[in-house]
């Protein structure tokens, strides 16, 4: 019975590591992404205008 108790420790650690890994790798959306994407779109539009105007 003591061996079973000792084997449960690594099992619980593995379950905890799996839960922590899934929590860390979750998809987090940042509020700042919108402003960065808007700046990128303005940059692309400016580059397209300069290419077609030259």
Protein backbone atom coordinates (compact mmCIF):
# COMPACT_ATOMS: atom_id res chain seq x y z
CA UNK A 1 0.00 0.00 0.00
CA UNK A 2 2.93 2.30 0.71
CA UNK A 3 4.27 1.75 -2.81
CA UNK A 4 0.93 2.80 -4.24
CA UNK A 5 1.06 6.02 -2.23
CA UNK A 6 4.58 6.76 -3.53
CA UNK A 7 3.52 6.07 -7.11
CA UNK A 8 0.63 8.51 -6.80
CA UNK A 9 3.06 11.40 -6.23
CA UNK A 10 4.53 11.33 -9.79
CA UNK A 11 1.07 10.73 -11.20
CA UNK A 12 -0.30 13.83 -9.49
CA UNK A 13 2.77 15.79 -10.55
CA UNK A 14 2.22 14.75 -14.19
CA UNK A 15 -1.43 15.77 -14.03
CA UNK A 16 -0.47 19.10 -12.48
CA UNK A 17 2.18 19.68 -15.15
CA UNK A 18 -0.35 18.95 -17.88
CA UNK A 19 -2.85 21.38 -16.42
CA UNK A 20 -0.19 24.06 -16.00
CA UNK A 21 1.04 23.55 -19.57
CA UNK A 22 -2.43 23.88 -21.01
CA UNK A 23 -3.03 27.03 -18.96
CA UNK A 24 0.24 28.62 -20.05
CA UNK A 25 -0.29 27.85 -23.75
CA UNK A 26 -3.85 29.12 -23.90
CA UNK A 27 -4.74 31.60 -26.59
CA UNK A 28 -4.71 35.06 -25.09
CA UNK A 29 -5.94 37.95 -27.19
CA UNK A 30 -4.44 41.30 -26.45
CA UNK A 31 -6.33 44.57 -26.70
CA UNK A 32 -3.29 46.15 -28.34
CA UNK A 33 -3.53 43.88 -31.38
CA UNK A 34 -6.14 46.11 -32.98
CA UNK A 35 -3.94 49.20 -33.00
CA UNK A 36 -0.98 47.24 -34.34
CA UNK A 37 -3.09 45.77 -37.12
CA UNK A 38 -4.42 49.21 -38.04
CA UNK A 39 -0.87 50.55 -38.30
CA UNK A 40 0.12 47.61 -40.48
CA UNK A 41 -2.85 48.21 -42.78
CA UNK A 42 -1.90 51.90 -43.12
CA UNK A 43 1.67 50.85 -43.94
CA UNK A 44 0.50 48.42 -46.62
CA UNK A 45 -1.79 51.03 -48.17
CA UNK A 46 1.06 53.56 -48.26
CA UNK A 47 3.40 51.04 -49.88
CA UNK A 48 0.80 50.14 -52.50
CA UNK A 49 0.23 53.81 -53.32
CA UNK A 50 3.96 54.45 -53.70
CA UNK A 51 4.35 51.41 -55.96
CA UNK A 52 1.46 52.33 -58.26
CA UNK A 53 2.31 56.07 -58.26
CA UNK A 54 6.02 55.59 -59.17
